[in-house]
Amino acid sequence: MSGFGHYERTAAELEDEILTRGVLLGLDWANQIQVRALASEALDCTSGQRLAMLQSLDWRIKAKGELFALSTLMLDIMRQSAQTGVQVPDVGIWKIFARALADVSQETVAEKEKHAN
């Protein structure tokens, strides 16, 4: 599958950046409650809110905005790699955060469906 190595490389680069922002924010990636809360906040954040965070002079807010932007890229890479049949290695922080994003997203959809009926 030559030509698709960029997914793996991009995933590794994104994971490094996500890890860095997590360290800046004092995140404990082993704390499921904290990671799920972050995932929920990331999924609820609009592009306008994210842009405002990225422009903030407060480094904590900016770092969180960067983390949310990186999570959007992460989801895009996962979607694109799945569409091409290339699996991105899901290890480390990538796996932890991806699982939290997927779980929170599924719960949100299920909750919306529940209220729609």
PDB file of N, CA and C in Angstrom:
ATOM      1  N   MET A   1       0.821  -1.180   0.000  1.00  0.00           N
ATOM      2  CA  MET A   1       0.000   0.000   0.000  1.00  0.00           C
ATOM      3  C   MET A   1       0.870   1.250   0.000  1.00  0.00           C
ATOM      4  N   SER A   2       1.818   1.302  -0.887  1.00  0.00           N
ATOM      5  CA  SER A   2       2.645   2.489  -0.945  1.00  0.00           C
ATOM      6  C   SER A   2       1.785   3.683  -1.344  1.00  0.00           C
ATOM      7  N   GLY A   3       2.203   4.849  -0.908  1.00  0.00           N
ATOM      8  CA  GLY A   3       1.436   6.046  -1.205  1.00  0.00           C
ATOM      9  C   GLY A   3       0.491   6.439  -0.093  1.00  0.00           C
ATOM     10  N   PHE A   4       0.258   5.538   0.847  1.00  0.00           N
ATOM     11  CA  PHE A   4      -0.659   5.845   1.945  1.00  0.00           C
ATOM     12  C   PHE A   4       0.070   6.001   3.273  1.00  0.00           C
ATOM     13  N   GLY A   5       1.395   5.992   3.247  1.00  0.00           N
ATOM     14  CA  GLY A   5       2.180   6.139   4.461  1.00  0.00           C
ATOM     15  C   GLY A   5       1.997   7.489   5.130  1.00  0.00           C
ATOM     16  N   HIS A   6       1.487   8.453   4.374  1.00  0.00           N
ATOM     17  CA  HIS A   6       1.309   9.771   4.963  1.00  0.00           C
ATOM     18  C   HIS A   6       0.277   9.751   6.082  1.00  0.00           C
ATOM     19  N   TYR A   7      -0.687   8.847   6.062  1.00  0.00           N
ATOM     20  CA  TYR A   7      -1.664   8.768   7.143  1.00  0.00           C
ATOM     21  C   TYR A   7      -0.973   8.424   8.459  1.00  0.00           C
ATOM     22  N   GLU A   8      -0.104   7.447   8.406  1.00  0.00           N
ATOM     23  CA  GLU A   8       0.613   7.019   9.606  1.00  0.00           C
ATOM     24  C   GLU A   8       1.534   8.130  10.114  1.00  0.00           C
ATOM     25  N   ARG A   9       2.230   8.771   9.195  1.00  0.00           N
ATOM     26  CA  ARG A   9       3.147   9.853   9.552  1.00  0.00           C
ATOM     27  C   ARG A   9       2.363  11.043  10.129  1.00  0.00           C
ATOM     28  N   THR A  10       1.278  11.405   9.478  1.00  0.00           N
ATOM     29  CA  THR A  10       0.454  12.520   9.949  1.00  0.00           C
ATOM     30  C   THR A  10      -0.142  12.202  11.303  1.00  0.00           C
ATOM     31  N   ALA A  11      -0.591  10.973  11.494  1.00  0.00           N
ATOM     32  CA  ALA A  11      -1.158  10.567  12.785  1.00  0.00           C
ATOM     33  C   ALA A  11      -0.113  10.696  13.889  1.00  0.00           C
ATOM     34  N   ALA A  12       1.108  10.292  13.610  1.00  0.00           N
ATOM     35  CA  ALA A  12       2.180  10.384  14.616  1.00  0.00           C
ATOM     36  C   ALA A  12       2.487  11.846  14.950  1.00  0.00           C
ATOM     37  N   GLU A  13       2.506  12.687  13.921  1.00  0.00           N
ATOM     38  CA  GLU A  13       2.759  14.112  14.152  1.00  0.00           C
ATOM     39  C   GLU A  13       1.626  14.746  14.961  1.00  0.00           C
ATOM     40  N   LEU A  14       0.388  14.412  14.608  1.00  0.00           N
ATOM     41  CA  LEU A  14      -0.760  14.939  15.352  1.00  0.00           C
ATOM     42  C   LEU A  14      -0.741  14.467  16.800  1.00  0.00           C
ATOM     43  N   GLU A  15      -0.409  13.204  16.994  1.00  0.00           N
ATOM     44  CA  GLU A  15      -0.363  12.680  18.349  1.00  0.00           C
ATOM     45  C   GLU A  15       0.669  13.434  19.184  1.00  0.00           C
ATOM     46  N   ASP A  16       1.827  13.733  18.605  1.00  0.00           N
ATOM     47  CA  ASP A  16       2.848  14.493  19.322  1.00  0.00           C
ATOM     48  C   ASP A  16       2.329  15.873  19.715  1.00  0.00           C
ATOM     49  N   GLU A  17       1.641  16.523  18.797  1.00  0.00           N
ATOM     50  CA  GLU A  17       1.107  17.860  19.072  1.00  0.00           C
ATOM     51  C   GLU A  17      -0.009  17.804  20.113  1.00  0.00           C
ATOM     52  N   ILE A  18      -0.861  16.793  20.032  1.00  0.00           N
ATOM     53  CA  ILE A  18      -1.926  16.627  21.020  1.00  0.00           C
ATOM     54  C   ILE A  18      -1.325  16.380  22.401  1.00  0.00           C
ATOM     55  N   LEU A  19      -0.325  15.536  22.458  1.00  0.00           N
ATOM     56  CA  LEU A  19       0.354  15.250  23.715  1.00  0.00           C
ATOM     57  C   LEU A  19       0.964  16.523  24.307  1.00  0.00           C
ATOM     58  N   THR A  20       1.610  17.312  23.457  1.00  0.00           N
ATOM     59  CA  THR A  20       2.222  18.561  23.914  1.00  0.00           C
ATOM     60  C   THR A  20       1.172  19.496  24.510  1.00  0.00           C
ATOM     61  N   ARG A  21       0.034  19.672  23.811  1.00  0.00           N
ATOM     62  CA  ARG A  21      -1.019  20.554  24.337  1.00  0.00           C
ATOM     63  C   ARG A  21      -1.593  19.992  25.629  1.00  0.00           C
ATOM     64  N   GLY A  22      -1.701  18.686  25.707  1.00  0.00           N
ATOM     65  CA  GLY A  22      -2.183  18.056  26.935  1.00  0.00           C
ATOM     66  C   GLY A  22      -1.267  18.322  28.111  1.00  0.00           C
ATOM     67  N   VAL A  23       0.035  18.254  27.874  1.00  0.00           N
ATOM     68  CA  VAL A  23       1.013  18.539  28.925  1.00  0.00           C
ATOM     69  C   VAL A  23       0.877  19.995  29.369  1.00  0.00           C
ATOM     70  N   LEU A  24       0.765  20.904  28.405  1.00  0.00           N
ATOM     71  CA  LEU A  24       0.603  22.324  28.730  1.00  0.00           C
ATOM     72  C   LEU A  24      -0.628  22.569  29.602  1.00  0.00           C
ATOM     73  N   LEU A  25      -1.684  21.804  29.334  1.00  0.00           N
ATOM     74  CA  LEU A  25      -2.939  21.974  30.064  1.00  0.00           C
ATOM     75  C   LEU A  25      -2.999  21.136  31.341  1.00  0.00           C
ATOM     76  N   GLY A  26      -1.970  20.343  31.594  1.00  0.00           N
ATOM     77  CA  GLY A  26      -1.941  19.518  32.794  1.00  0.00           C
ATOM     78  C   GLY A  26      -2.906  18.347  32.742  1.00  0.00           C
ATOM     79  N   LEU A  27      -3.191  17.858  31.538  1.00  0.00           N
ATOM     80  CA  LEU A  27      -4.122  16.738  31.388  1.00  0.00           C
ATOM     81  C   LEU A  27      -3.497  15.425  31.841  1.00  0.00           C
ATOM     82  N   ASP A  28      -4.315  14.613  32.461  1.00  0.00           N
ATOM     83  CA  ASP A  28      -3.905  13.252  32.815  1.00  0.00           C
ATOM     84  C   ASP A  28      -4.626  12.327  31.843  1.00  0.00           C
ATOM     85  N   TRP A  29      -3.908  11.882  30.824  1.00  0.00           N
ATOM     86  CA  TRP A  29      -4.525  11.065  29.776  1.00  0.00           C
ATOM     87  C   TRP A  29      -5.019   9.724  30.305  1.00  0.00           C
ATOM     88  N   ALA A  30      -4.578   9.328  31.481  1.00  0.00           N
ATOM     89  CA  ALA A  30      -5.044   8.076  32.084  1.00  0.00           C
ATOM     90  C   ALA A  30      -6.363   8.274  32.832  1.00  0.00           C
ATOM     91  N   ASN A  31      -6.755   9.522  33.044  1.00  0.00           N
ATOM     92  CA  ASN A  31      -7.995   9.838  33.752  1.00  0.00           C
ATOM     93  C   ASN A  31      -9.138   9.896  32.741  1.00  0.00           C
ATOM     94  N   GLN A  32      -9.906   8.806  32.665  1.00  0.00           N
ATOM     95  CA  GLN A  32     -10.976   8.695  31.674  1.00  0.00           C
ATOM     96  C   GLN A  32     -12.016   9.798  31.799  1.00  0.00           C
ATOM     97  N   ILE A  33     -12.342  10.179  32.998  1.00  0.00           N
ATOM     98  CA  ILE A  33     -13.350  11.221  33.213  1.00  0.00           C
ATOM     99  C   ILE A  33     -12.853  12.542  32.636  1.00  0.00           C
ATOM    100  N   GLN A  34     -11.612  12.864  32.897  1.00  0.00           N
ATOM    101  CA  GLN A  34     -11.028  14.100  32.391  1.00  0.00           C
ATOM    102  C   GLN A  34     -10.944  14.086  30.859  1.00  0.00           C
ATOM    103  N   VAL A  35     -10.537  12.966  30.293  1.00  0.00           N
ATOM    104  CA  VAL A  35     -10.395  12.861  28.838  1.00  0.00           C
ATOM    105  C   VAL A  35     -11.765  12.922  28.163  1.00  0.00           C
ATOM    106  N   ARG A  36     -12.762  12.257  28.744  1.00  0.00           N
ATOM    107  CA  ARG A  36     -14.124  12.309  28.162  1.00  0.00           C
ATOM    108  C   ARG A  36     -14.710  13.717  28.253  1.00  0.00           C
ATOM    109  N   ALA A  37     -14.438  14.420  29.339  1.00  0.00           N
ATOM    110  CA  ALA A  37     -14.917  15.802  29.474  1.00  0.00           C
ATOM    111  C   ALA A  37     -14.261  16.678  28.402  1.00  0.00           C
ATOM    112  N   LEU A  38     -12.977  16.472  28.172  1.00  0.00           N
ATOM    113  CA  LEU A  38     -12.265  17.209  27.134  1.00  0.00           C
ATOM    114  C   LEU A  38     -12.841  16.877  25.759  1.00  0.00           C
ATOM    115  N   ALA A  39     -13.102  15.605  25.512  1.00  0.00           N
ATOM    116  CA  ALA A  39     -13.674  15.185  24.227  1.00  0.00           C
ATOM    117  C   ALA A  39     -15.049  15.813  24.022  1.00  0.00           C
ATOM    118  N   SER A  40     -15.849  15.837  25.056  1.00  0.00           N
ATOM    119  CA  SER A  40     -17.175  16.452  24.972  1.00  0.00           C
ATOM    120  C   SER A  40     -17.063  17.935  24.650  1.00  0.00           C
ATOM    121  N   GLU A  41     -16.153  18.593  25.330  1.00  0.00           N
ATOM    122  CA  GLU A  41     -15.937  20.022  25.088  1.00  0.00           C
ATOM    123  C   GLU A  41     -15.439  20.263  23.661  1.00  0.00           C
ATOM    124  N   ALA A  42     -14.555  19.401  23.183  1.00  0.00           N
ATOM    125  CA  ALA A  42     -14.022  19.535  21.825  1.00  0.00           C
ATOM    126  C   ALA A  42     -15.122  19.359  20.782  1.00  0.00           C
ATOM    127  N   LEU A  43     -15.985  18.390  20.994  1.00  0.00           N
ATOM    128  CA  LEU A  43     -17.066  18.129  20.041  1.00  0.00           C
ATOM    129  C   LEU A  43     -18.127  19.221  20.066  1.00  0.00           C
ATOM    130  N   ASP A  44     -18.334  19.844  21.216  1.00  0.00           N
ATOM    131  CA  ASP A  44     -19.325  20.916  21.344  1.00  0.00           C
ATOM    132  C   ASP A  44     -18.814  22.257  20.836  1.00  0.00           C
ATOM    133  N   CYS A  45     -17.514  22.389  20.694  1.00  0.00           N
ATOM    134  CA  CYS A  45     -16.890  23.655  20.317  1.00  0.00           C
ATOM    135  C   CYS A  45     -17.146  23.942  18.831  1.00  0.00           C
ATOM    136  N   THR A  46     -17.728  25.094  18.550  1.00  0.00           N
ATOM    137  CA  THR A  46     -17.972  25.476  17.159  1.00  0.00           C
ATOM    138  C   THR A  46     -16.683  26.008  16.534  1.00  0.00           C
ATOM    139  N   SER A  47     -16.670  26.101  15.230  1.00  0.00           N
ATOM    140  CA  SER A  47     -15.479  26.629  14.564  1.00  0.00           C
ATOM    141  C   SER A  47     -15.228  28.079  14.974  1.00  0.00           C
ATOM    142  N   GLY A  48     -16.292  28.853  15.178  1.00  0.00           N
ATOM    143  CA  GLY A  48     -16.133  30.231  15.634  1.00  0.00           C
ATOM    144  C   GLY A  48     -15.537  30.308  17.028  1.00  0.00           C
ATOM    145  N   GLN A  49     -16.005  29.441  17.911  1.00  0.00           N
ATOM    146  CA  GLN A  49     -15.448  29.394  19.265  1.00  0.00           C
ATOM    147  C   GLN A  49     -13.981  28.979  19.237  1.00  0.00           C
ATOM    148  N   ARG A  50     -13.691  27.989  18.399  1.00  0.00           N
ATOM    149  CA  ARG A  50     -12.308  27.499  18.282  1.00  0.00           C
ATOM    150  C   ARG A  50     -11.402  28.618  17.750  1.00  0.00           C
ATOM    151  N   LEU A  51     -11.882  29.366  16.769  1.00  0.00           N
ATOM    152  CA  LEU A  51     -11.097  30.472  16.219  1.00  0.00           C
ATOM    153  C   LEU A  51     -10.816  31.520  17.295  1.00  0.00           C
ATOM    154  N   ALA A  52     -11.830  31.844  18.084  1.00  0.00           N
ATOM    155  CA  ALA A  52     -11.640  32.809  19.173  1.00  0.00           C
ATOM    156  C   ALA A  52     -10.615  32.285  20.184  1.00  0.00           C
ATOM    157  N   MET A  53     -10.667  30.995  20.481  1.00  0.00           N
ATOM    158  CA  MET A  53      -9.703  30.403  21.408  1.00  0.00           C
ATOM    159  C   MET A  53      -8.290  30.490  20.840  1.00  0.00           C
ATOM    160  N   LEU A  54      -8.154  30.223  19.557  1.00  0.00           N
ATOM    161  CA  LEU A  54      -6.837  30.260  18.918  1.00  0.00           C
ATOM    162  C   LEU A  54      -6.245  31.668  18.903  1.00  0.00           C
ATOM    163  N   GLN A  55      -7.094  32.672  18.964  1.00  0.00           N
ATOM    164  CA  GLN A  55      -6.633  34.059  18.947  1.00  0.00           C
ATOM    165  C   GLN A  55      -6.470  34.637  20.349  1.00  0.00           C
ATOM    166  N   SER A  56      -6.774  33.848  21.356  1.00  0.00           N
ATOM    167  CA  SER A  56      -6.705  34.318  22.732  1.00  0.00           C
ATOM    168  C   SER A  56      -5.265  34.631  23.144  1.00  0.00           C
ATOM    169  N   LEU A  57      -5.136  35.623  24.012  1.00  0.00           N
ATOM    170  CA  LEU A  57      -3.829  35.956  24.570  1.00  0.00           C
ATOM    171  C   LEU A  57      -3.501  35.079  25.781  1.00  0.00           C
ATOM    172  N   ASP A  58      -4.513  34.407  26.315  1.00  0.00           N
ATOM    173  CA  ASP A  58      -4.323  33.485  27.440  1.00  0.00           C
ATOM    174  C   ASP A  58      -3.801  32.163  26.874  1.00  0.00           C
ATOM    175  N   TRP A  59      -2.579  31.786  27.258  1.00  0.00           N
ATOM    176  CA  TRP A  59      -1.965  30.591  26.677  1.00  0.00           C
ATOM    177  C   TRP A  59      -2.753  29.323  26.954  1.00  0.00           C
ATOM    178  N   ARG A  60      -3.471  29.258  28.078  1.00  0.00           N
ATOM    179  CA  ARG A  60      -4.269  28.059  28.386  1.00  0.00           C
ATOM    180  C   ARG A  60      -5.434  27.915  27.400  1.00  0.00           C
ATOM    181  N   ILE A  61      -6.111  29.038  27.163  1.00  0.00           N
ATOM    182  CA  ILE A  61      -7.237  29.019  26.227  1.00  0.00           C
ATOM    183  C   ILE A  61      -6.736  28.714  24.820  1.00  0.00           C
ATOM    184  N   LYS A  62      -5.617  29.334  24.444  1.00  0.00           N
ATOM    185  CA  LYS A  62      -5.047  29.091  23.120  1.00  0.00           C
ATOM    186  C   LYS A  62      -4.633  27.620  22.968  1.00  0.00           C
ATOM    187  N   ALA A  63      -3.992  27.065  23.988  1.00  0.00           N
ATOM    188  CA  ALA A  63      -3.572  25.655  23.928  1.00  0.00           C
ATOM    189  C   ALA A  63      -4.781  24.726  23.797  1.00  0.00           C
ATOM    190  N   LYS A  64      -5.856  25.047  24.508  1.00  0.00           N
ATOM    191  CA  LYS A  64      -7.060  24.216  24.408  1.00  0.00           C
ATOM    192  C   LYS A  64      -7.678  24.354  23.015  1.00  0.00           C
ATOM    193  N   GLY A  65      -7.681  25.573  22.471  1.00  0.00           N
ATOM    194  CA  GLY A  65      -8.172  25.771  21.101  1.00  0.00           C
ATOM    195  C   GLY A  65      -7.349  24.989  20.096  1.00  0.00           C
ATOM    196  N   GLU A  66      -6.033  24.988  20.295  1.00  0.00           N
ATOM    197  CA  GLU A  66      -5.158  24.211  19.416  1.00  0.00           C
ATOM    198  C   GLU A  66      -5.442  22.724  19.550  1.00  0.00           C
ATOM    199  N   LEU A  67      -5.675  22.275  20.767  1.00  0.00           N
ATOM    200  CA  LEU A  67      -6.000  20.865  20.995  1.00  0.00           C
ATOM    201  C   LEU A  67      -7.301  20.496  20.290  1.00  0.00           C
ATOM    202  N   PHE A  68      -8.294  21.380  20.364  1.00  0.00           N
ATOM    203  CA  PHE A  68      -9.576  21.119  19.699  1.00  0.00           C
ATOM    204  C   PHE A  68      -9.405  21.107  18.179  1.00  0.00           C
ATOM    205  N   ALA A  69      -8.589  22.014  17.645  1.00  0.00           N
ATOM    206  CA  ALA A  69      -8.318  22.030  16.208  1.00  0.00           C
ATOM    207  C   ALA A  69      -7.598  20.750  15.790  1.00  0.00           C
ATOM    208  N   LEU A  70      -6.649  20.315  16.609  1.00  0.00           N
ATOM    209  CA  LEU A  70      -5.937  19.068  16.320  1.00  0.00           C
ATOM    210  C   LEU A  70      -6.878  17.866  16.369  1.00  0.00           C
ATOM    211  N   SER A  71      -7.866  17.904  17.281  1.00  0.00           N
ATOM    212  CA  SER A  71      -8.814  16.783  17.355  1.00  0.00           C
ATOM    213  C   SER A  71      -9.668  16.725  16.093  1.00  0.00           C
ATOM    214  N   THR A  72      -9.983  17.887  15.529  1.00  0.00           N
ATOM    215  CA  THR A  72     -10.729  17.921  14.270  1.00  0.00           C
ATOM    216  C   THR A  72      -9.894  17.300  13.155  1.00  0.00           C
ATOM    217  N   LEU A  73      -8.623  17.656  13.102  1.00  0.00           N
ATOM    218  CA  LEU A  73      -7.725  17.057  12.110  1.00  0.00           C
ATOM    219  C   LEU A  73      -7.599  15.554  12.325  1.00  0.00           C
ATOM    220  N   MET A  74      -7.532  15.158  13.580  1.00  0.00           N
ATOM    221  CA  MET A  74      -7.417  13.742  13.920  1.00  0.00           C
ATOM    222  C   MET A  74      -8.623  12.963  13.381  1.00  0.00           C
ATOM    223  N   LEU A  75      -9.816  13.499  13.601  1.00  0.00           N
ATOM    224  CA  LEU A  75     -11.027  12.840  13.113  1.00  0.00           C
ATOM    225  C   LEU A  75     -11.046  12.792  11.587  1.00  0.00           C
ATOM    226  N   ASP A  76     -10.567  13.861  10.938  1.00  0.00           N
ATOM    227  CA  ASP A  76     -10.496  13.881   9.475  1.00  0.00           C
ATOM    228  C   ASP A  76      -9.549  12.810   8.953  1.00  0.00           C
ATOM    229  N   ILE A  77      -8.388  12.673   9.597  1.00  0.00           N
ATOM    230  CA  ILE A  77      -7.421  11.646   9.183  1.00  0.00           C
ATOM    231  C   ILE A  77      -8.020  10.250   9.359  1.00  0.00           C
ATOM    232  N   MET A  78      -8.709  10.047  10.472  1.00  0.00           N
ATOM    233  CA  MET A  78      -9.329   8.740  10.711  1.00  0.00           C
ATOM    234  C   MET A  78     -10.381   8.439   9.646  1.00  0.00           C
ATOM    235  N   ARG A  79     -11.189   9.427   9.313  1.00  0.00           N
ATOM    236  CA  ARG A  79     -12.240   9.253   8.303  1.00  0.00           C
ATOM    237  C   ARG A  79     -11.628   8.977   6.932  1.00  0.00           C
ATOM    238  N   GLN A  80     -10.634   9.780   6.538  1.00  0.00           N
ATOM    239  CA  GLN A  80     -10.001   9.614   5.238  1.00  0.00           C
ATOM    240  C   GLN A  80      -9.294   8.272   5.123  1.00  0.00           C
ATOM    241  N   SER A  81      -8.597   7.881   6.171  1.00  0.00           N
ATOM    242  CA  SER A  81      -7.881   6.605   6.107  1.00  0.00           C
ATOM    243  C   SER A  81      -8.863   5.439   6.035  1.00  0.00           C
ATOM    244  N   ALA A  82      -9.979   5.552   6.724  1.00  0.00           N
ATOM    245  CA  ALA A  82     -10.995   4.494   6.662  1.00  0.00           C
ATOM    246  C   ALA A  82     -11.603   4.409   5.263  1.00  0.00           C
ATOM    247  N   GLN A  83     -11.802   5.555   4.626  1.00  0.00           N
ATOM    248  CA  GLN A  83     -12.378   5.570   3.275  1.00  0.00           C
ATOM    249  C   GLN A  83     -11.436   4.964   2.240  1.00  0.00           C
ATOM    250  N   THR A  84     -10.138   5.035   2.492  1.00  0.00           N
ATOM    251  CA  THR A  84      -9.170   4.459   1.558  1.00  0.00           C
ATOM    252  C   THR A  84      -8.763   3.048   1.948  1.00  0.00           C
ATOM    253  N   GLY A  85      -9.289   2.571   3.081  1.00  0.00           N
ATOM    254  CA  GLY A  85      -8.980   1.217   3.521  1.00  0.00           C
ATOM    255  C   GLY A  85      -7.642   1.092   4.226  1.00  0.00           C
ATOM    256  N   VAL A  86      -7.084   2.206   4.653  1.00  0.00           N
ATOM    257  CA  VAL A  86      -5.807   2.204   5.355  1.00  0.00           C
ATOM    258  C   VAL A  86      -6.080   2.477   6.821  1.00  0.00           C
ATOM    259  N   GLN A  87      -5.641   1.581   7.673  1.00  0.00           N
ATOM    260  CA  GLN A  87      -5.866   1.762   9.104  1.00  0.00           C
ATOM    261  C   GLN A  87      -4.712   2.536   9.723  1.00  0.00           C
ATOM    262  N   VAL A  88      -5.074   3.597  10.430  1.00  0.00           N
ATOM    263  CA  VAL A  88      -4.077   4.371  11.162  1.00  0.00           C
ATOM    264  C   VAL A  88      -3.826   3.660  12.477  1.00  0.00           C
ATOM    265  N   PRO A  89      -2.564   3.455  12.832  1.00  0.00           N
ATOM    266  CA  PRO A  89      -2.283   2.786  14.105  1.00  0.00           C
ATOM    267  C   PRO A  89      -2.921   3.559  15.263  1.00  0.00           C
ATOM    268  N   ASP A  90      -3.680   2.856  16.062  1.00  0.00           N
ATOM    269  CA  ASP A  90      -4.342   3.528  17.190  1.00  0.00           C
ATOM    270  C   ASP A  90      -3.663   3.109  18.495  1.00  0.00           C
ATOM    271  N   VAL A  91      -2.605   3.817  18.799  1.00  0.00           N
ATOM    272  CA  VAL A  91      -1.838   3.539  20.014  1.00  0.00           C
ATOM    273  C   VAL A  91      -1.680   4.831  20.807  1.00  0.00           C
ATOM    274  N   GLY A  92      -1.341   4.698  22.047  1.00  0.00           N
ATOM    275  CA  GLY A  92      -1.019   5.842  22.881  1.00  0.00           C
ATOM    276  C   GLY A  92      -2.147   6.838  23.040  1.00  0.00           C
ATOM    277  N   ILE A  93      -1.766   8.116  23.034  1.00  0.00           N
ATOM    278  CA  ILE A  93      -2.707   9.205  23.239  1.00  0.00           C
ATOM    279  C   ILE A  93      -3.749   9.227  22.129  1.00  0.00           C
ATOM    280  N   TRP A  94      -3.321   8.923  20.906  1.00  0.00           N
ATOM    281  CA  TRP A  94      -4.247   8.887  19.766  1.00  0.00           C
ATOM    282  C   TRP A  94      -5.423   7.959  20.089  1.00  0.00           C
ATOM    283  N   LYS A  95      -5.114   6.762  20.556  1.00  0.00           N
ATOM    284  CA  LYS A  95      -6.158   5.776  20.846  1.00  0.00           C
ATOM    285  C   LYS A  95      -7.047   6.254  21.996  1.00  0.00           C
ATOM    286  N   ILE A  96      -6.440   6.795  23.031  1.00  0.00           N
ATOM    287  CA  ILE A  96      -7.207   7.250  24.196  1.00  0.00           C
ATOM    288  C   ILE A  96      -8.167   8.362  23.805  1.00  0.00           C
ATOM    289  N   PHE A  97      -7.653   9.367  23.090  1.00  0.00           N
ATOM    290  CA  PHE A  97      -8.481  10.511  22.733  1.00  0.00           C
ATOM    291  C   PHE A  97      -9.501  10.133  21.656  1.00  0.00           C
ATOM    292  N   ALA A  98      -9.096   9.320  20.691  1.00  0.00           N
ATOM    293  CA  ALA A  98     -10.021   8.884  19.641  1.00  0.00           C
ATOM    294  C   ALA A  98     -11.185   8.097  20.240  1.00  0.00           C
ATOM    295  N   ARG A  99     -10.901   7.230  21.186  1.00  0.00           N
ATOM    296  CA  ARG A  99     -11.942   6.437  21.844  1.00  0.00           C
ATOM    297  C   ARG A  99     -12.908   7.355  22.584  1.00  0.00           C
ATOM    298  N   ALA A 100     -12.371   8.338  23.307  1.00  0.00           N
ATOM    299  CA  ALA A 100     -13.216   9.273  24.045  1.00  0.00           C
ATOM    300  C   ALA A 100     -14.084  10.088  23.091  1.00  0.00           C
ATOM    301  N   LEU A 101     -13.504  10.576  21.997  1.00  0.00           N
ATOM    302  CA  LEU A 101     -14.276  11.336  21.007  1.00  0.00           C
ATOM    303  C   LEU A 101     -15.381  10.481  20.403  1.00  0.00           C
ATOM    304  N   ALA A 102     -15.050   9.238  20.056  1.00  0.00           N
ATOM    305  CA  ALA A 102     -16.042   8.340  19.460  1.00  0.00           C
ATOM    306  C   ALA A 102     -17.155   8.015  20.450  1.00  0.00           C
ATOM    307  N   ASP A 103     -16.795   7.717  21.681  1.00  0.00           N
ATOM    308  CA  ASP A 103     -17.798   7.377  22.698  1.00  0.00           C
ATOM    309  C   ASP A 103     -18.735   8.542  22.968  1.00  0.00           C
ATOM    310  N   VAL A 104     -18.166   9.724  23.153  1.00  0.00           N
ATOM    311  CA  VAL A 104     -18.985  10.902  23.442  1.00  0.00           C
ATOM    312  C   VAL A 104     -19.876  11.225  22.243  1.00  0.00           C
ATOM    313  N   SER A 105     -19.329  11.111  21.050  1.00  0.00           N
ATOM    314  CA  SER A 105     -20.102  11.375  19.838  1.00  0.00           C
ATOM    315  C   SER A 105     -21.279  10.415  19.715  1.00  0.00           C
ATOM    316  N   GLN A 106     -21.038   9.128  19.948  1.00  0.00           N
ATOM    317  CA  GLN A 106     -22.098   8.127  19.869  1.00  0.00           C
ATOM    318  C   GLN A 106     -23.165   8.371  20.930  1.00  0.00           C
ATOM    319  N   GLU A 107     -22.746   8.737  22.124  1.00  0.00           N
ATOM    320  CA  GLU A 107     -23.699   9.022  23.198  1.00  0.00           C
ATOM    321  C   GLU A 107     -24.560  10.232  22.856  1.00  0.00           C
ATOM    322  N   THR A 108     -23.950  11.240  22.241  1.00  0.00           N
ATOM    323  CA  THR A 108     -24.684  12.440  21.848  1.00  0.00           C
ATOM    324  C   THR A 108     -25.733  12.101  20.798  1.00  0.00           C
ATOM    325  N   VAL A 109     -25.367  11.300  19.811  1.00  0.00           N
ATOM    326  CA  VAL A 109     -26.304  10.886  18.761  1.00  0.00           C
ATOM    327  C   VAL A 109     -27.438  10.072  19.381  1.00  0.00           C
ATOM    328  N   ALA A 110     -27.111   9.144  20.254  1.00  0.00           N
ATOM    329  CA  ALA A 110     -28.132   8.309  20.896  1.00  0.00           C
ATOM    330  C   ALA A 110     -29.077   9.162  21.727  1.00  0.00           C
ATOM    331  N   GLU A 111     -28.533  10.144  22.427  1.00  0.00           N
ATOM    332  CA  GLU A 111     -29.363  11.040  23.249  1.00  0.00           C
ATOM    333  C   GLU A 111     -30.304  11.877  22.376  1.00  0.00           C
ATOM    334  N   LYS A 112     -29.807  12.361  21.240  1.00  0.00           N
ATOM    335  CA  LYS A 112     -30.648  13.138  20.312  1.00  0.00           C
ATOM    336  C   LYS A 112     -31.756  12.274  19.740  1.00  0.00           C
ATOM    337  N   GLU A 113     -31.429  11.026  19.382  1.00  0.00           N
ATOM    338  CA  GLU A 113     -32.440  10.108  18.847  1.00  0.00           C
ATOM    339  C   GLU A 113     -33.502   9.798  19.879  1.00  0.00           C
ATOM    340  N   LYS A 114     -33.068   9.652  21.113  1.00  0.00           N
ATOM    341  CA  LYS A 114     -33.978   9.354  22.222  1.00  0.00           C
ATOM    342  C   LYS A 114     -34.986  10.483  22.396  1.00  0.00           C
ATOM    343  N   HIS A 115     -34.501  11.717  22.314  1.00  0.00           N
ATOM    344  CA  HIS A 115     -35.379  12.869  22.498  1.00  0.00           C
ATOM    345  C   HIS A 115     -36.231  13.150  21.274  1.00  0.00           C
ATOM    346  N   ALA A 116     -35.818  12.659  20.111  1.00  0.00           N
ATOM    347  CA  ALA A 116     -36.578  12.853  18.888  1.00  0.00           C
ATOM    348  C   ALA A 116     -37.823  11.959  18.844  1.00  0.00           C
ATOM    349  N   ASN A 117     -37.765  10.868  19.568  1.00  0.00           N
ATOM    350  CA  ASN A 117     -38.883   9.905  19.544  1.00  0.00           C
ATOM    351  C   ASN A 117     -39.911  10.261  20.535  1.00  0.00           C
TER     352      ASN A 117
END
